[in-house]
């Protein structure tokens, strides 16, 4: 299986802050590295390369040994709207005064349905 992961830009890297290499993501989720790669391929998670090497995932995407509730559906909607993985990460972490905070803050607060609605509107 070939996994294509984009290189992250400096601004998005700064917005995210803490990243985890895919091997640590697999460990935290109790998965093989192959299954963790499948999560990326299936858009259940998104990541980016940071200075080469393996893909890195925003650390906040994992909570209590699982993928953050509501994140996979939001990532699917963003992908359907034409967002690349890096664009999706940037959108999730960019502050939005109407939320308040960023979309990822809203997902963390359990407001993932609201975030998905906003993501759906991006495709129109």
N, C-alpha and C. Protein backbone atom coordinates (compact mmCIF):
# COMPACT_ATOMS: atom_id res chain seq x y z
N UNK A 1 0.85 -1.17 0.00
CA UNK A 1 0.00 0.00 0.00
C UNK A 1 0.90 1.24 0.00
N UNK A 2 0.65 2.14 -0.92
CA UNK A 2 1.38 3.39 -0.99
C UNK A 2 0.57 4.48 -0.32
N UNK A 3 1.19 5.18 0.58
CA UNK A 3 0.53 6.24 1.31
C UNK A 3 1.19 7.55 0.94
N UNK A 4 0.43 8.47 0.36
CA UNK A 4 0.95 9.78 0.01
C UNK A 4 0.52 10.77 1.07
N UNK A 5 1.50 11.42 1.68
CA UNK A 5 1.23 12.39 2.73
C UNK A 5 1.97 13.67 2.38
N UNK A 6 1.25 14.79 2.37
CA UNK A 6 1.84 16.07 1.99
C UNK A 6 2.80 16.60 3.05
N UNK A 7 3.70 17.45 2.60
CA UNK A 7 4.62 18.15 3.51
C UNK A 7 3.86 19.32 4.14
N UNK A 8 4.05 19.52 5.43
CA UNK A 8 3.34 20.59 6.14
C UNK A 8 4.04 21.93 5.93
N UNK A 9 3.28 23.00 5.90
CA UNK A 9 3.85 24.34 5.79
C UNK A 9 4.06 24.89 7.21
N UNK A 10 4.89 25.90 7.33
CA UNK A 10 5.27 26.45 8.63
C UNK A 10 4.08 27.01 9.41
N UNK A 11 3.16 27.68 8.73
CA UNK A 11 2.01 28.27 9.42
C UNK A 11 1.10 27.20 10.02
N UNK A 12 0.82 26.16 9.26
CA UNK A 12 -0.03 25.08 9.77
C UNK A 12 0.69 24.34 10.90
N UNK A 13 1.98 24.15 10.75
CA UNK A 13 2.77 23.50 11.80
C UNK A 13 2.65 24.30 13.10
N UNK A 14 2.72 25.62 13.01
CA UNK A 14 2.61 26.49 14.18
C UNK A 14 1.20 26.44 14.78
N UNK A 15 0.17 26.43 13.94
CA UNK A 15 -1.22 26.37 14.43
C UNK A 15 -1.48 25.10 15.25
N UNK A 16 -0.94 23.99 14.77
CA UNK A 16 -1.20 22.70 15.43
C UNK A 16 -0.45 22.58 16.74
N UNK A 17 0.82 22.92 16.73
CA UNK A 17 1.62 22.81 17.95
C UNK A 17 2.17 21.42 18.15
N UNK A 18 1.44 20.54 18.85
CA UNK A 18 1.95 19.21 19.17
C UNK A 18 1.54 18.17 18.12
N UNK A 19 2.54 17.47 17.63
CA UNK A 19 2.35 16.43 16.62
C UNK A 19 2.86 15.10 17.16
N UNK A 20 2.29 14.00 16.67
CA UNK A 20 2.77 12.67 17.01
C UNK A 20 3.15 11.92 15.75
N UNK A 21 4.33 11.27 15.74
CA UNK A 21 4.67 10.45 14.59
C UNK A 21 3.70 9.26 14.50
N UNK A 22 3.49 8.76 13.31
CA UNK A 22 2.52 7.69 13.09
C UNK A 22 2.80 6.46 13.95
N UNK A 23 4.07 6.16 14.22
CA UNK A 23 4.38 5.01 15.07
C UNK A 23 3.83 5.20 16.49
N UNK A 24 3.91 6.43 17.02
CA UNK A 24 3.34 6.70 18.36
C UNK A 24 1.82 6.67 18.33
N UNK A 25 1.23 7.14 17.22
CA UNK A 25 -0.22 7.07 17.07
C UNK A 25 -0.67 5.61 17.12
N UNK A 26 0.03 4.76 16.38
CA UNK A 26 -0.30 3.33 16.37
C UNK A 26 -0.21 2.76 17.79
N UNK A 27 0.86 3.10 18.50
CA UNK A 27 1.03 2.62 19.89
C UNK A 27 -0.12 3.09 20.78
N UNK A 28 -0.46 4.37 20.70
CA UNK A 28 -1.53 4.92 21.55
C UNK A 28 -2.89 4.30 21.26
N UNK A 29 -3.09 3.91 20.00
CA UNK A 29 -4.37 3.31 19.62
C UNK A 29 -4.35 1.78 19.75
N UNK A 30 -3.18 1.22 20.06
CA UNK A 30 -3.06 -0.23 20.17
C UNK A 30 -3.18 -0.94 18.83
N UNK A 31 -2.68 -0.29 17.78
CA UNK A 31 -2.78 -0.82 16.42
C UNK A 31 -1.41 -1.12 15.84
N UNK A 32 -1.40 -1.94 14.80
CA UNK A 32 -0.17 -2.12 14.04
C UNK A 32 0.05 -0.87 13.20
N UNK A 33 1.28 -0.66 12.76
CA UNK A 33 1.57 0.50 11.91
C UNK A 33 0.77 0.42 10.60
N UNK A 34 0.57 -0.80 10.11
CA UNK A 34 -0.23 -0.97 8.89
C UNK A 34 -1.66 -0.52 9.08
N UNK A 35 -2.25 -0.84 10.22
CA UNK A 35 -3.62 -0.42 10.50
C UNK A 35 -3.69 1.10 10.71
N UNK A 36 -2.66 1.68 11.32
CA UNK A 36 -2.62 3.13 11.49
C UNK A 36 -2.53 3.83 10.13
N UNK A 37 -1.74 3.26 9.23
CA UNK A 37 -1.67 3.82 7.86
C UNK A 37 -3.02 3.73 7.18
N UNK A 38 -3.76 2.65 7.44
CA UNK A 38 -5.08 2.48 6.84
C UNK A 38 -6.04 3.57 7.34
N UNK A 39 -5.90 3.99 8.60
CA UNK A 39 -6.72 5.09 9.11
C UNK A 39 -6.48 6.37 8.31
N UNK A 40 -5.23 6.61 7.92
CA UNK A 40 -4.92 7.77 7.08
C UNK A 40 -5.53 7.60 5.69
N UNK A 41 -5.34 6.43 5.14
CA UNK A 41 -5.87 6.18 3.79
C UNK A 41 -7.39 6.32 3.75
N UNK A 42 -8.05 5.85 4.82
CA UNK A 42 -9.51 5.92 4.89
C UNK A 42 -10.04 7.27 5.36
N UNK A 43 -9.14 8.22 5.62
CA UNK A 43 -9.49 9.58 6.07
C UNK A 43 -10.16 9.58 7.44
N UNK A 44 -9.86 8.59 8.27
CA UNK A 44 -10.32 8.60 9.67
C UNK A 44 -9.40 9.51 10.48
N UNK A 45 -8.17 9.66 9.98
CA UNK A 45 -7.16 10.59 10.50
C UNK A 45 -6.50 11.25 9.31
N UNK A 46 -5.92 12.40 9.51
CA UNK A 46 -5.08 13.04 8.50
C UNK A 46 -3.78 13.46 9.16
N UNK A 47 -2.76 13.52 8.35
CA UNK A 47 -1.45 13.91 8.86
C UNK A 47 -0.64 14.56 7.78
N UNK A 48 0.60 14.86 8.12
CA UNK A 48 1.50 15.51 7.17
C UNK A 48 2.93 15.14 7.54
N UNK A 49 3.81 15.31 6.58
CA UNK A 49 5.22 15.09 6.84
C UNK A 49 5.80 16.39 7.39
N UNK A 50 6.63 16.24 8.39
CA UNK A 50 7.28 17.38 9.02
C UNK A 50 8.78 17.17 8.90
N UNK A 51 9.39 17.77 7.87
CA UNK A 51 10.82 17.64 7.68
C UNK A 51 11.25 16.26 7.21
N UNK A 52 10.39 15.57 6.48
CA UNK A 52 10.71 14.24 5.99
C UNK A 52 10.33 13.17 7.00
N UNK A 53 10.61 11.95 6.65
CA UNK A 53 10.30 10.86 7.56
C UNK A 53 8.84 10.47 7.53
N UNK A 54 8.40 9.86 8.62
CA UNK A 54 7.05 9.32 8.68
C UNK A 54 6.01 10.43 8.86
N UNK A 55 4.77 10.14 8.51
CA UNK A 55 3.70 11.12 8.72
C UNK A 55 3.53 11.43 10.20
N UNK A 56 3.11 12.65 10.48
CA UNK A 56 2.80 13.10 11.83
C UNK A 56 1.33 13.50 11.88
N UNK A 57 0.71 13.24 13.02
CA UNK A 57 -0.71 13.50 13.23
C UNK A 57 -0.83 14.53 14.37
N UNK A 58 -1.72 15.52 14.24
CA UNK A 58 -1.93 16.41 15.39
C UNK A 58 -2.31 15.60 16.63
N UNK A 59 -1.62 15.83 17.73
CA UNK A 59 -1.82 15.05 18.95
C UNK A 59 -3.25 15.13 19.46
N UNK A 60 -3.91 16.25 19.27
CA UNK A 60 -5.26 16.46 19.77
C UNK A 60 -6.28 15.55 19.07
N UNK A 61 -5.89 14.94 17.95
CA UNK A 61 -6.79 14.03 17.24
C UNK A 61 -7.02 12.73 18.00
N UNK A 62 -6.21 12.48 19.04
CA UNK A 62 -6.36 11.26 19.84
C UNK A 62 -6.76 11.63 21.26
N UNK A 63 -7.77 10.95 21.78
CA UNK A 63 -8.17 11.15 23.17
C UNK A 63 -8.52 9.80 23.78
N UNK A 64 -8.03 9.55 24.96
CA UNK A 64 -8.34 8.33 25.71
C UNK A 64 -8.13 7.06 24.88
N UNK A 65 -7.04 6.99 24.15
CA UNK A 65 -6.72 5.79 23.39
C UNK A 65 -7.58 5.55 22.17
N UNK A 66 -8.22 6.60 21.67
CA UNK A 66 -9.09 6.46 20.50
C UNK A 66 -9.00 7.74 19.66
N UNK A 67 -9.56 7.65 18.45
CA UNK A 67 -9.65 8.83 17.59
C UNK A 67 -10.75 9.73 18.17
N UNK A 68 -10.50 11.03 18.20
CA UNK A 68 -11.44 12.01 18.73
C UNK A 68 -12.82 11.84 18.11
N UNK A 69 -13.83 11.73 18.96
CA UNK A 69 -15.20 11.55 18.50
C UNK A 69 -15.61 12.71 17.59
N UNK A 70 -16.20 12.37 16.45
CA UNK A 70 -16.66 13.37 15.50
C UNK A 70 -15.62 13.76 14.46
N UNK A 71 -14.35 13.44 14.72
CA UNK A 71 -13.30 13.83 13.78
C UNK A 71 -13.39 13.11 12.43
N UNK A 72 -13.54 11.78 12.40
CA UNK A 72 -13.58 11.11 11.09
C UNK A 72 -14.67 11.65 10.17
N UNK A 73 -15.87 11.89 10.70
CA UNK A 73 -16.95 12.43 9.87
C UNK A 73 -16.63 13.82 9.34
N UNK A 74 -16.02 14.64 10.19
CA UNK A 74 -15.63 15.99 9.78
C UNK A 74 -14.57 15.92 8.68
N UNK A 75 -13.60 15.02 8.84
CA UNK A 75 -12.55 14.87 7.83
C UNK A 75 -13.13 14.40 6.50
N UNK A 76 -14.13 13.53 6.54
CA UNK A 76 -14.78 13.07 5.31
C UNK A 76 -15.48 14.23 4.62
N UNK A 77 -16.19 15.04 5.38
CA UNK A 77 -16.89 16.20 4.80
C UNK A 77 -15.89 17.16 4.17
N UNK A 78 -14.78 17.43 4.86
CA UNK A 78 -13.76 18.33 4.31
C UNK A 78 -13.14 17.75 3.05
N UNK A 79 -12.88 16.46 3.04
CA UNK A 79 -12.33 15.81 1.84
C UNK A 79 -13.32 15.91 0.68
N UNK A 80 -14.60 15.67 0.96
CA UNK A 80 -15.64 15.78 -0.07
C UNK A 80 -15.76 17.21 -0.60
N UNK A 81 -15.42 18.20 0.24
CA UNK A 81 -15.46 19.60 -0.18
C UNK A 81 -14.22 19.99 -0.98
N UNK A 82 -13.29 19.04 -1.16
CA UNK A 82 -12.11 19.29 -1.97
C UNK A 82 -10.88 19.71 -1.19
N UNK A 83 -10.94 19.65 0.13
CA UNK A 83 -9.80 20.04 0.95
C UNK A 83 -8.74 18.92 0.96
N UNK A 84 -7.49 19.31 0.79
CA UNK A 84 -6.39 18.36 0.95
C UNK A 84 -6.22 18.10 2.45
N UNK A 85 -5.40 17.12 2.80
CA UNK A 85 -5.16 16.83 4.22
C UNK A 85 -4.61 18.05 4.95
N UNK A 86 -3.64 18.72 4.35
CA UNK A 86 -3.03 19.89 4.99
C UNK A 86 -4.06 21.03 5.09
N UNK A 87 -4.86 21.23 4.06
CA UNK A 87 -5.90 22.27 4.12
C UNK A 87 -6.93 21.95 5.20
N UNK A 88 -7.27 20.68 5.35
CA UNK A 88 -8.22 20.27 6.39
C UNK A 88 -7.65 20.54 7.78
N UNK A 89 -6.38 20.20 7.96
CA UNK A 89 -5.73 20.46 9.26
C UNK A 89 -5.73 21.96 9.53
N UNK A 90 -5.34 22.75 8.53
CA UNK A 90 -5.29 24.20 8.70
C UNK A 90 -6.68 24.74 9.06
N UNK A 91 -7.73 24.29 8.37
CA UNK A 91 -9.09 24.77 8.65
C UNK A 91 -9.49 24.40 10.07
N UNK A 92 -9.20 23.18 10.48
CA UNK A 92 -9.58 22.74 11.83
C UNK A 92 -8.92 23.55 12.93
N UNK A 93 -7.69 24.01 12.69
CA UNK A 93 -6.93 24.70 13.74
C UNK A 93 -6.95 26.22 13.63
N UNK A 94 -7.55 26.77 12.59
CA UNK A 94 -7.61 28.22 12.42
C UNK A 94 -8.72 28.81 13.27
N UNK A 95 -8.40 29.79 14.12
CA UNK A 95 -9.43 30.41 14.96
C UNK A 95 -10.59 30.98 14.13
N UNK A 96 -11.79 30.77 14.63
CA UNK A 96 -13.00 31.26 13.99
C UNK A 96 -13.80 32.00 15.07
N UNK A 97 -13.87 33.33 15.00
CA UNK A 97 -14.53 34.10 16.04
C UNK A 97 -16.01 33.75 16.22
N UNK A 98 -16.64 33.17 15.22
CA UNK A 98 -18.05 32.83 15.35
C UNK A 98 -18.28 31.55 16.15
N UNK A 99 -17.22 30.81 16.48
CA UNK A 99 -17.43 29.55 17.22
C UNK A 99 -17.53 29.75 18.74
N UNK A 100 -16.79 30.41 19.50
CA UNK A 100 -15.44 30.96 19.34
C UNK A 100 -14.39 29.86 19.44
N UNK A 101 -13.17 30.27 19.16
CA UNK A 101 -12.07 29.31 19.12
C UNK A 101 -11.91 28.78 17.71
N UNK A 102 -11.36 27.60 17.59
CA UNK A 102 -11.16 26.97 16.28
C UNK A 102 -12.14 25.81 16.14
N UNK A 103 -12.34 25.32 14.91
CA UNK A 103 -13.21 24.15 14.75
C UNK A 103 -12.75 22.95 15.60
N UNK A 104 -11.45 22.74 15.74
CA UNK A 104 -11.00 21.60 16.54
C UNK A 104 -11.36 21.81 18.01
N UNK A 105 -11.35 23.05 18.49
CA UNK A 105 -11.79 23.33 19.86
C UNK A 105 -13.26 22.93 20.03
N UNK A 106 -14.06 23.23 19.02
CA UNK A 106 -15.49 22.89 19.08
C UNK A 106 -15.68 21.37 19.06
N UNK A 107 -14.90 20.66 18.25
CA UNK A 107 -14.98 19.19 18.22
C UNK A 107 -14.61 18.64 19.59
N UNK A 108 -13.55 19.17 20.18
CA UNK A 108 -13.12 18.73 21.52
C UNK A 108 -14.20 18.98 22.56
N UNK A 109 -14.99 20.03 22.38
CA UNK A 109 -16.06 20.38 23.31
C UNK A 109 -17.34 19.60 23.04
N UNK A 110 -17.29 18.66 22.06
CA UNK A 110 -18.45 17.84 21.75
C UNK A 110 -19.41 18.46 20.75
N UNK A 111 -18.99 19.56 20.11
CA UNK A 111 -19.86 20.25 19.15
C UNK A 111 -19.49 19.87 17.71
N UNK A 112 -19.21 18.58 17.49
CA UNK A 112 -18.76 18.13 16.16
C UNK A 112 -19.85 18.24 15.10
N UNK A 113 -21.13 18.14 15.48
CA UNK A 113 -22.21 18.28 14.50
C UNK A 113 -22.21 19.69 13.92
N UNK A 114 -22.03 20.68 14.76
CA UNK A 114 -21.95 22.07 14.30
C UNK A 114 -20.77 22.26 13.36
N UNK A 115 -19.63 21.67 13.70
CA UNK A 115 -18.43 21.79 12.87
C UNK A 115 -18.65 21.11 11.52
N UNK A 116 -19.30 19.94 11.53
CA UNK A 116 -19.59 19.25 10.26
C UNK A 116 -20.50 20.09 9.38
N UNK A 117 -21.50 20.74 9.98
CA UNK A 117 -22.39 21.62 9.19
C UNK A 117 -21.59 22.74 8.54
N UNK A 118 -20.69 23.33 9.29
CA UNK A 118 -19.85 24.41 8.73
C UNK A 118 -18.97 23.87 7.61
N UNK A 119 -18.41 22.69 7.81
CA UNK A 119 -17.56 22.07 6.78
C UNK A 119 -18.38 21.76 5.52
N UNK A 120 -19.62 21.32 5.69
CA UNK A 120 -20.47 21.04 4.53
C UNK A 120 -20.71 22.31 3.72
N UNK A 121 -20.87 23.43 4.38
CA UNK A 121 -21.12 24.69 3.69
C UNK A 121 -19.92 25.12 2.83
N UNK A 122 -18.72 24.62 3.17
CA UNK A 122 -17.54 24.98 2.39
C UNK A 122 -17.59 24.42 0.98
N UNK A 123 -18.33 23.34 0.78
CA UNK A 123 -18.39 22.69 -0.52
C UNK A 123 -19.35 23.34 -1.49
N UNK A 124 -20.08 24.36 -1.02
CA UNK A 124 -21.08 24.99 -1.89
C UNK A 124 -20.66 26.36 -2.32
